Protein backbone atom coordinates (compact mmCIF):
# COMPACT_ATOMS: atom_id res chain seq x y z
CA UNK A 1 45.46 48.76 27.75
CA UNK A 2 41.99 48.00 29.16
CA UNK A 3 39.21 47.45 26.66
CA UNK A 4 36.44 48.84 28.87
CA UNK A 5 33.08 47.38 29.73
CA UNK A 6 31.43 46.07 26.60
CA UNK A 7 28.21 45.16 28.40
CA UNK A 8 25.50 47.79 27.76
CA UNK A 9 23.97 49.47 30.81
CA UNK A 10 20.61 48.11 31.87
CA UNK A 11 17.40 50.12 32.17
CA UNK A 12 17.67 49.64 35.93
CA UNK A 13 21.08 51.35 35.85
CA UNK A 14 19.67 54.34 33.93
CA UNK A 15 16.66 54.59 36.26
CA UNK A 16 19.02 56.26 38.74
CA UNK A 17 20.17 58.99 36.33
CA UNK A 18 19.41 62.55 37.41
CA UNK A 19 16.20 63.88 35.94
CA UNK A 20 15.98 67.59 35.03
CA UNK A 21 14.24 69.68 37.69
CA UNK A 22 12.59 72.80 36.45
CA UNK A 23 9.42 74.69 35.83
CA UNK A 24 11.23 77.21 33.59
CA UNK A 25 12.34 75.83 30.24
CA UNK A 26 10.03 76.22 27.32
CA UNK A 27 12.63 74.46 25.22
CA UNK A 28 15.11 71.61 25.57
CA UNK A 29 17.85 72.08 28.17
CA UNK A 30 21.44 72.52 26.95
CA UNK A 31 23.68 69.48 26.69
CA UNK A 32 26.38 70.98 28.96
CA UNK A 33 25.85 72.90 32.21
CA UNK A 34 27.42 76.28 32.88
CA UNK A 35 29.30 76.23 36.18
CA UNK A 36 30.52 79.26 38.10
CA UNK A 37 32.11 79.96 41.47
CA UNK A 38 30.35 82.35 43.82
CA UNK A 39 31.39 84.35 46.84
CA UNK A 40 31.34 82.17 49.95
CA UNK A 41 28.47 84.05 51.60
CA UNK A 42 26.26 83.73 48.49
CA UNK A 43 27.21 80.08 48.07
CA UNK A 44 26.30 79.34 51.67
CA UNK A 45 22.84 80.91 51.26
CA UNK A 46 22.12 79.10 47.99
CA UNK A 47 23.26 75.73 49.32
CA UNK A 48 20.98 76.14 52.33
CA UNK A 49 17.96 76.08 49.97
CA UNK A 50 16.36 72.76 49.09
CA UNK A 51 17.83 71.38 45.84
CA UNK A 52 14.69 71.80 43.72
CA UNK A 53 14.08 75.35 44.98
CA UNK A 54 17.74 76.31 44.37
CA UNK A 55 17.71 74.97 40.79
CA UNK A 56 14.44 76.71 39.91
CA UNK A 57 15.58 79.97 41.52
CA UNK A 58 18.88 80.05 39.61
CA UNK A 59 17.28 79.05 36.29
CA UNK A 60 14.64 81.78 36.63
CA UNK A 61 17.22 84.38 37.64
CA UNK A 62 19.69 83.58 34.85
CA UNK A 63 17.01 83.17 32.17
CA UNK A 64 15.36 86.50 33.07
CA UNK A 65 18.72 88.33 33.22
CA UNK A 66 19.84 87.04 29.81
CA UNK A 67 16.49 87.84 28.18
CA UNK A 68 16.46 91.33 29.71
CA UNK A 69 19.99 92.10 28.52
CA UNK A 70 20.07 90.32 25.14
CA UNK A 71 16.42 89.73 24.25
CA UNK A 72 15.13 86.46 22.87
CA UNK A 73 17.99 85.73 20.51
CA UNK A 74 17.96 82.39 18.74
CA UNK A 75 20.99 80.77 17.18
């Protein structure tokens, strides 16, 4: 059974990690993303947006919808 790579990743390796894009969060982002499938027509429209605009749009939309429906609950 392979033992894996015991060499730690360099800072140069981690420099290419995705950085969070957002102007929304007032708090730390969740560890795991929530992923959903959409209708093809909606998916096509969203994917036509630039990446940063799409992420900000969806975060605003979801955040506002959750706060409107459930308030500012904290766990």
